[in-house]
Amino acid sequence: MTSLKFAIVLLFFVFAIQNIHSQTYKFKTSGLSVLDKKPNGKWGEWSDLNLVNLLVTLDTNKNRIVVYSEMIQLFEVVNYLPETESDTDIVYSFTCKNNNGIDCIISIITRKNQDNRKQLYINYGDRIILYNLFNM
């Protein structure tokens, strides 16, 4: 009976520790801009910032990022890249596949010199989608 109690307590702690390490982060967007690469390989200009109010979630338990736009953008996190920090930015990046199987790099950047403003970059190599974020 004692070993059964010990096993139950041990299982409880294992599940509790797993829940501590897996979290869901929720953000709201306030703006959207797009940057495209020109046929000559050079980057064009950022589009005008459009005001958008969308939900974005990073679910580390399910290894996915979801942008709840009109067409839901679902990204499977393939690899969590190391955090980088400079004098101006803190960057969390992820190698991902979108719901069509296309590879991209998603970065959540905190701009230290801009009152810790957060931005989400979805980089497909020839197109970058930028969302301004704030924590929920």
N, C-alpha and C. Protein backbone atom coordinates (compact mmCIF):
# COMPACT_ATOMS: atom_id res chain seq x y z
N MET A 1 0.82 -1.20 0.00
CA MET A 1 0.00 0.00 0.00
C MET A 1 0.86 1.26 0.00
N THR A 2 1.97 1.21 0.74
CA THR A 2 2.86 2.36 0.80
C THR A 2 3.48 2.63 -0.57
N SER A 3 3.85 1.58 -1.28
CA SER A 3 4.44 1.78 -2.60
C SER A 3 3.42 2.34 -3.59
N LEU A 4 2.16 1.99 -3.44
CA LEU A 4 1.12 2.53 -4.30
C LEU A 4 0.95 4.03 -4.03
N LYS A 5 0.95 4.43 -2.79
CA LYS A 5 0.86 5.86 -2.44
C LYS A 5 2.07 6.61 -3.00
N PHE A 6 3.25 6.01 -2.86
CA PHE A 6 4.46 6.63 -3.38
C PHE A 6 4.37 6.80 -4.90
N ALA A 7 3.88 5.79 -5.60
CA ALA A 7 3.75 5.85 -7.06
C ALA A 7 2.77 6.95 -7.47
N ILE A 8 1.66 7.07 -6.74
CA ILE A 8 0.67 8.10 -7.06
C ILE A 8 1.26 9.49 -6.85
N VAL A 9 1.96 9.68 -5.74
CA VAL A 9 2.60 10.97 -5.46
C VAL A 9 3.65 11.29 -6.52
N LEU A 10 4.44 10.28 -6.89
CA LEU A 10 5.47 10.48 -7.91
C LEU A 10 4.84 10.87 -9.25
N LEU A 11 3.77 10.21 -9.65
CA LEU A 11 3.08 10.56 -10.89
C LEU A 11 2.53 11.98 -10.84
N PHE A 12 1.99 12.37 -9.70
CA PHE A 12 1.48 13.72 -9.53
C PHE A 12 2.58 14.74 -9.77
N PHE A 13 3.76 14.51 -9.19
CA PHE A 13 4.87 15.45 -9.37
C PHE A 13 5.38 15.49 -10.81
N VAL A 14 5.41 14.34 -11.46
CA VAL A 14 5.84 14.30 -12.86
C VAL A 14 4.91 15.14 -13.72
N PHE A 15 3.59 14.98 -13.54
CA PHE A 15 2.63 15.77 -14.32
C PHE A 15 2.69 17.25 -13.95
N ALA A 16 2.90 17.56 -12.69
CA ALA A 16 3.00 18.96 -12.26
C ALA A 16 4.23 19.62 -12.88
N ILE A 17 5.36 18.93 -12.89
CA ILE A 17 6.58 19.48 -13.48
C ILE A 17 6.41 19.69 -14.98
N GLN A 18 5.75 18.75 -15.66
CA GLN A 18 5.53 18.89 -17.10
C GLN A 18 4.67 20.12 -17.38
N ASN A 19 3.66 20.37 -16.59
CA ASN A 19 2.81 21.54 -16.80
C ASN A 19 3.54 22.83 -16.53
N ILE A 20 4.52 22.83 -15.65
CA ILE A 20 5.31 24.02 -15.38
C ILE A 20 6.14 24.39 -16.60
N HIS A 21 6.70 23.40 -17.27
CA HIS A 21 7.60 23.65 -18.40
C HIS A 21 6.86 23.90 -19.70
N SER A 22 5.63 23.48 -19.82
CA SER A 22 4.89 23.71 -21.05
C SER A 22 3.84 24.78 -20.78
N GLN A 23 3.92 25.84 -21.57
CA GLN A 23 3.05 26.97 -21.35
C GLN A 23 2.47 27.44 -22.67
N THR A 24 1.39 28.19 -22.55
CA THR A 24 0.81 28.86 -23.69
C THR A 24 0.93 30.36 -23.46
N TYR A 25 1.54 31.03 -24.43
CA TYR A 25 1.69 32.48 -24.38
C TYR A 25 0.69 33.07 -25.35
N LYS A 26 -0.05 34.09 -24.89
CA LYS A 26 -1.06 34.72 -25.74
C LYS A 26 -0.71 36.18 -25.95
N PHE A 27 -0.88 36.59 -27.20
CA PHE A 27 -0.61 37.97 -27.59
C PHE A 27 -1.79 38.48 -28.42
N LYS A 28 -1.91 39.79 -28.49
CA LYS A 28 -2.82 40.45 -29.41
C LYS A 28 -1.97 41.26 -30.37
N THR A 29 -2.43 41.36 -31.61
CA THR A 29 -1.72 42.18 -32.59
C THR A 29 -2.35 43.56 -32.64
N SER A 30 -1.53 44.55 -33.02
CA SER A 30 -2.06 45.89 -33.20
C SER A 30 -1.75 46.44 -34.58
N GLY A 31 -0.85 45.78 -35.30
CA GLY A 31 -0.48 46.26 -36.63
C GLY A 31 0.12 45.15 -37.47
N LEU A 32 0.05 45.31 -38.78
CA LEU A 32 0.56 44.33 -39.74
C LEU A 32 1.24 45.07 -40.88
N SER A 33 2.43 44.60 -41.26
CA SER A 33 3.14 45.13 -42.41
C SER A 33 3.84 43.97 -43.11
N VAL A 34 4.06 44.12 -44.43
CA VAL A 34 4.66 43.06 -45.23
C VAL A 34 5.82 43.63 -46.03
N LEU A 35 6.87 42.84 -46.17
CA LEU A 35 8.04 43.21 -46.97
C LEU A 35 8.29 42.08 -47.96
N ASP A 36 8.36 42.43 -49.26
CA ASP A 36 8.61 41.44 -50.31
C ASP A 36 9.96 41.66 -50.95
N LYS A 37 10.56 40.56 -51.40
CA LYS A 37 11.81 40.63 -52.15
C LYS A 37 11.48 40.85 -53.62
N LYS A 38 12.19 41.77 -54.25
CA LYS A 38 11.98 42.07 -55.67
C LYS A 38 12.61 40.97 -56.53
N PRO A 39 12.24 40.91 -57.81
CA PRO A 39 12.83 39.91 -58.71
C PRO A 39 14.36 40.01 -58.80
N ASN A 40 14.92 41.22 -58.56
CA ASN A 40 16.38 41.37 -58.62
C ASN A 40 17.07 40.89 -57.33
N GLY A 41 16.28 40.37 -56.38
CA GLY A 41 16.85 39.83 -55.14
C GLY A 41 16.98 40.82 -54.01
N LYS A 42 16.68 42.09 -54.26
CA LYS A 42 16.76 43.11 -53.21
C LYS A 42 15.38 43.27 -52.56
N TRP A 43 15.44 43.68 -51.30
CA TRP A 43 14.19 43.90 -50.58
C TRP A 43 13.54 45.19 -51.03
N GLY A 44 12.20 45.17 -51.10
CA GLY A 44 11.43 46.36 -51.44
C GLY A 44 11.23 47.22 -50.19
N GLU A 45 10.10 47.86 -50.12
CA GLU A 45 9.74 48.71 -48.98
C GLU A 45 8.67 48.00 -48.15
N TRP A 46 8.69 48.27 -46.84
CA TRP A 46 7.62 47.76 -45.98
C TRP A 46 6.29 48.37 -46.43
N SER A 47 5.25 47.58 -46.43
CA SER A 47 3.92 48.11 -46.72
C SER A 47 3.48 49.03 -45.59
N ASP A 48 2.47 49.85 -45.86
CA ASP A 48 1.91 50.68 -44.80
C ASP A 48 1.41 49.79 -43.68
N LEU A 49 1.53 50.26 -42.46
CA LEU A 49 1.07 49.51 -41.30
C LEU A 49 -0.45 49.50 -41.27
N ASN A 50 -1.03 48.32 -41.33
CA ASN A 50 -2.48 48.17 -41.24
C ASN A 50 -2.84 47.82 -39.81
N LEU A 51 -3.86 48.45 -39.27
CA LEU A 51 -4.31 48.14 -37.93
C LEU A 51 -5.08 46.82 -37.95
N VAL A 52 -4.65 45.88 -37.14
CA VAL A 52 -5.31 44.58 -37.04
C VAL A 52 -5.38 44.19 -35.57
N ASN A 53 -6.44 43.51 -35.23
CA ASN A 53 -6.64 43.05 -33.86
C ASN A 53 -6.86 41.55 -33.91
N LEU A 54 -5.77 40.80 -33.80
CA LEU A 54 -5.81 39.34 -33.91
C LEU A 54 -5.22 38.71 -32.66
N LEU A 55 -5.57 37.47 -32.42
CA LEU A 55 -4.98 36.69 -31.35
C LEU A 55 -3.83 35.86 -31.92
N VAL A 56 -2.71 35.81 -31.20
CA VAL A 56 -1.57 34.96 -31.56
C VAL A 56 -1.23 34.14 -30.34
N THR A 57 -1.05 32.83 -30.53
CA THR A 57 -0.66 31.97 -29.40
C THR A 57 0.61 31.21 -29.74
N LEU A 58 1.45 31.07 -28.74
CA LEU A 58 2.62 30.20 -28.79
C LEU A 58 2.37 29.13 -27.75
N ASP A 59 2.18 27.91 -28.19
CA ASP A 59 1.89 26.78 -27.30
C ASP A 59 3.09 25.85 -27.29
N THR A 60 3.89 25.94 -26.22
CA THR A 60 5.11 25.13 -26.16
C THR A 60 4.80 23.66 -25.87
N ASN A 61 3.62 23.37 -25.36
CA ASN A 61 3.23 21.99 -25.12
C ASN A 61 2.93 21.28 -26.44
N LYS A 62 2.24 21.98 -27.34
CA LYS A 62 1.88 21.41 -28.64
C LYS A 62 2.87 21.77 -29.74
N ASN A 63 3.91 22.55 -29.39
CA ASN A 63 4.93 22.98 -30.36
C ASN A 63 4.30 23.63 -31.58
N ARG A 64 3.50 24.67 -31.31
CA ARG A 64 2.88 25.35 -32.43
C ARG A 64 2.64 26.82 -32.11
N ILE A 65 2.59 27.59 -33.18
CA ILE A 65 2.25 29.00 -33.12
C ILE A 65 1.04 29.19 -34.03
N VAL A 66 0.03 29.90 -33.53
CA VAL A 66 -1.18 30.11 -34.32
C VAL A 66 -1.46 31.60 -34.37
N VAL A 67 -1.70 32.10 -35.59
CA VAL A 67 -2.15 33.47 -35.81
C VAL A 67 -3.60 33.36 -36.26
N TYR A 68 -4.51 33.85 -35.44
CA TYR A 68 -5.93 33.72 -35.71
C TYR A 68 -6.41 34.87 -36.61
N SER A 69 -5.93 34.85 -37.85
CA SER A 69 -6.37 35.81 -38.85
C SER A 69 -7.60 35.23 -39.55
N GLU A 70 -8.09 35.94 -40.59
CA GLU A 70 -9.26 35.46 -41.31
C GLU A 70 -9.03 34.03 -41.79
N MET A 71 -7.85 33.79 -42.36
CA MET A 71 -7.43 32.41 -42.66
C MET A 71 -6.40 32.06 -41.58
N ILE A 72 -6.75 31.12 -40.73
CA ILE A 72 -5.89 30.79 -39.59
C ILE A 72 -4.54 30.31 -40.09
N GLN A 73 -3.48 30.93 -39.53
CA GLN A 73 -2.11 30.56 -39.87
C GLN A 73 -1.57 29.67 -38.76
N LEU A 74 -1.36 28.41 -39.07
CA LEU A 74 -0.88 27.43 -38.10
C LEU A 74 0.55 27.06 -38.44
N PHE A 75 1.44 27.18 -37.47
CA PHE A 75 2.86 26.88 -37.67
C PHE A 75 3.28 25.80 -36.68
N GLU A 76 3.85 24.72 -37.21
CA GLU A 76 4.43 23.68 -36.36
C GLU A 76 5.87 24.09 -36.06
N VAL A 77 6.20 24.16 -34.77
CA VAL A 77 7.57 24.49 -34.37
C VAL A 77 8.42 23.24 -34.54
N VAL A 78 9.39 23.31 -35.44
CA VAL A 78 10.29 22.19 -35.71
C VAL A 78 11.50 22.25 -34.79
N ASN A 79 11.96 23.49 -34.51
CA ASN A 79 13.16 23.67 -33.69
C ASN A 79 13.09 25.00 -32.95
N TYR A 80 13.41 24.95 -31.67
CA TYR A 80 13.52 26.18 -30.87
C TYR A 80 14.97 26.64 -30.96
N LEU A 81 15.19 27.80 -31.55
CA LEU A 81 16.54 28.32 -31.72
C LEU A 81 16.98 29.02 -30.44
N PRO A 82 18.28 29.13 -30.20
CA PRO A 82 18.76 29.79 -28.98
C PRO A 82 18.33 31.26 -28.92
N GLU A 83 18.01 31.70 -27.73
CA GLU A 83 17.68 33.11 -27.51
C GLU A 83 18.92 33.94 -27.77
N THR A 84 18.73 35.09 -28.41
CA THR A 84 19.84 36.02 -28.61
C THR A 84 19.45 37.36 -27.99
N GLU A 85 20.46 38.05 -27.48
CA GLU A 85 20.21 39.35 -26.87
C GLU A 85 21.32 40.31 -27.24
N SER A 86 20.92 41.53 -27.57
CA SER A 86 21.87 42.60 -27.86
C SER A 86 21.51 43.79 -26.97
N ASP A 87 22.17 44.89 -27.18
CA ASP A 87 21.87 46.09 -26.41
C ASP A 87 20.45 46.60 -26.69
N THR A 88 19.92 46.27 -27.87
CA THR A 88 18.63 46.82 -28.26
C THR A 88 17.49 45.80 -28.32
N ASP A 89 17.81 44.50 -28.49
CA ASP A 89 16.77 43.51 -28.73
C ASP A 89 16.99 42.22 -27.95
N ILE A 90 15.87 41.56 -27.66
CA ILE A 90 15.86 40.16 -27.20
C ILE A 90 15.08 39.40 -28.26
N VAL A 91 15.68 38.32 -28.79
CA VAL A 91 15.06 37.62 -29.92
C VAL A 91 14.88 36.14 -29.57
N TYR A 92 13.63 35.68 -29.71
CA TYR A 92 13.29 34.25 -29.59
C TYR A 92 12.88 33.81 -30.98
N SER A 93 13.60 32.82 -31.54
CA SER A 93 13.31 32.38 -32.91
C SER A 93 12.98 30.90 -32.94
N PHE A 94 12.21 30.53 -33.95
CA PHE A 94 11.73 29.16 -34.12
C PHE A 94 11.78 28.80 -35.60
N THR A 95 12.28 27.62 -35.91
CA THR A 95 12.17 27.08 -37.25
C THR A 95 10.81 26.41 -37.32
N CYS A 96 10.02 26.75 -38.33
CA CYS A 96 8.64 26.26 -38.39
C CYS A 96 8.26 25.78 -39.78
N LYS A 97 7.14 25.07 -39.84
CA LYS A 97 6.46 24.72 -41.08
C LYS A 97 5.04 25.24 -40.96
N ASN A 98 4.56 25.93 -42.00
CA ASN A 98 3.19 26.42 -41.94
C ASN A 98 2.22 25.30 -42.29
N ASN A 99 0.91 25.60 -42.30
CA ASN A 99 -0.08 24.55 -42.55
C ASN A 99 -0.04 24.01 -43.97
N ASN A 100 0.75 24.63 -44.87
CA ASN A 100 0.97 24.09 -46.22
C ASN A 100 2.30 23.35 -46.34
N GLY A 101 3.03 23.21 -45.23
CA GLY A 101 4.31 22.51 -45.23
C GLY A 101 5.48 23.36 -45.67
N ILE A 102 5.29 24.69 -45.78
CA ILE A 102 6.35 25.59 -46.23
C ILE A 102 7.19 26.01 -45.02
N ASP A 103 8.51 25.94 -45.17
CA ASP A 103 9.44 26.31 -44.10
C ASP A 103 9.48 27.82 -43.90
N CYS A 104 9.64 28.22 -42.66
CA CYS A 104 9.81 29.63 -42.34
C CYS A 104 10.52 29.75 -40.99
N ILE A 105 10.96 30.95 -40.71
CA ILE A 105 11.55 31.25 -39.40
C ILE A 105 10.65 32.29 -38.75
N ILE A 106 10.21 32.01 -37.56
CA ILE A 106 9.38 32.95 -36.82
C ILE A 106 10.22 33.48 -35.66
N SER A 107 10.20 34.80 -35.50
CA SER A 107 10.94 35.44 -34.41
C SER A 107 10.01 36.35 -33.63
N ILE A 108 10.11 36.28 -32.32
CA ILE A 108 9.44 37.23 -31.44
C ILE A 108 10.55 38.11 -30.88
N ILE A 109 10.48 39.39 -31.21
CA ILE A 109 11.55 40.32 -30.85
C ILE A 109 11.01 41.34 -29.87
N THR A 110 11.72 41.52 -28.77
CA THR A 110 11.41 42.57 -27.81
C THR A 110 12.40 43.69 -28.04
N ARG A 111 11.88 44.88 -28.35
CA ARG A 111 12.69 46.07 -28.61
C ARG A 111 12.93 46.80 -27.29
N LYS A 112 14.12 46.63 -26.71
CA LYS A 112 14.43 47.20 -25.41
C LYS A 112 14.34 48.73 -25.40
N ASN A 113 14.79 49.36 -26.47
CA ASN A 113 14.82 50.82 -26.53
C ASN A 113 13.48 51.44 -26.92
N GLN A 114 12.47 50.61 -27.09
CA GLN A 114 11.15 51.09 -27.47
C GLN A 114 10.10 50.63 -26.45
N ASP A 115 10.41 50.83 -25.19
CA ASP A 115 9.52 50.44 -24.07
C ASP A 115 9.15 48.96 -24.13
N ASN A 116 10.12 48.12 -24.51
CA ASN A 116 9.94 46.67 -24.60
C ASN A 116 8.80 46.26 -25.54
N ARG A 117 8.65 47.01 -26.62
CA ARG A 117 7.65 46.68 -27.64
C ARG A 117 7.99 45.33 -28.25
N LYS A 118 6.97 44.51 -28.49
CA LYS A 118 7.17 43.18 -29.07
C LYS A 118 6.69 43.17 -30.51
N GLN A 119 7.43 42.41 -31.33
CA GLN A 119 7.06 42.23 -32.72
C GLN A 119 7.24 40.76 -33.10
N LEU A 120 6.36 40.30 -33.97
CA LEU A 120 6.42 38.94 -34.50
C LEU A 120 6.78 39.02 -35.97
N TYR A 121 7.87 38.37 -36.36
CA TYR A 121 8.30 38.32 -37.75
C TYR A 121 8.13 36.89 -38.26
N ILE A 122 7.45 36.74 -39.39
CA ILE A 122 7.32 35.45 -40.07
C ILE A 122 8.10 35.59 -41.37
N ASN A 123 9.26 34.92 -41.44
CA ASN A 123 10.19 35.11 -42.56
C ASN A 123 10.19 33.86 -43.44
N TYR A 124 9.70 34.05 -44.69
CA TYR A 124 9.69 32.96 -45.67
C TYR A 124 10.88 33.01 -46.61
N GLY A 125 11.80 33.93 -46.41
CA GLY A 125 12.95 34.06 -47.28
C GLY A 125 12.75 35.09 -48.38
N ASP A 126 11.58 35.08 -49.01
CA ASP A 126 11.28 36.06 -50.05
C ASP A 126 10.16 37.01 -49.63
N ARG A 127 9.63 36.80 -48.44
CA ARG A 127 8.56 37.64 -47.89
C ARG A 127 8.63 37.59 -46.37
N ILE A 128 8.47 38.75 -45.76
CA ILE A 128 8.44 38.83 -44.29
C ILE A 128 7.13 39.48 -43.89
N ILE A 129 6.43 38.84 -42.97
CA ILE A 129 5.19 39.38 -42.42
C ILE A 129 5.50 39.83 -41.00
N LEU A 130 5.14 41.05 -40.68
CA LEU A 130 5.42 41.63 -39.37
C LEU A 130 4.12 41.96 -38.67
N TYR A 131 3.99 41.52 -37.42
CA TYR A 131 2.88 41.90 -36.56
C TYR A 131 3.45 42.60 -35.34
N ASN A 132 2.89 43.74 -34.98
CA ASN A 132 3.20 44.36 -33.69
C ASN A 132 2.35 43.63 -32.64
N LEU A 133 2.96 43.30 -31.52
CA LEU A 133 2.30 42.49 -30.49
C LEU A 133 2.23 43.22 -29.16
N PHE A 134 1.29 42.81 -28.36
CA PHE A 134 1.31 43.15 -26.95
C PHE A 134 0.77 41.96 -26.17
N ASN A 135 1.26 41.81 -24.93
CA ASN A 135 0.87 40.68 -24.09
C ASN A 135 -0.59 40.79 -23.67
N MET A 136 -1.20 39.66 -23.54
CA MET A 136 -2.59 39.64 -23.04
C MET A 136 -2.58 39.46 -21.54
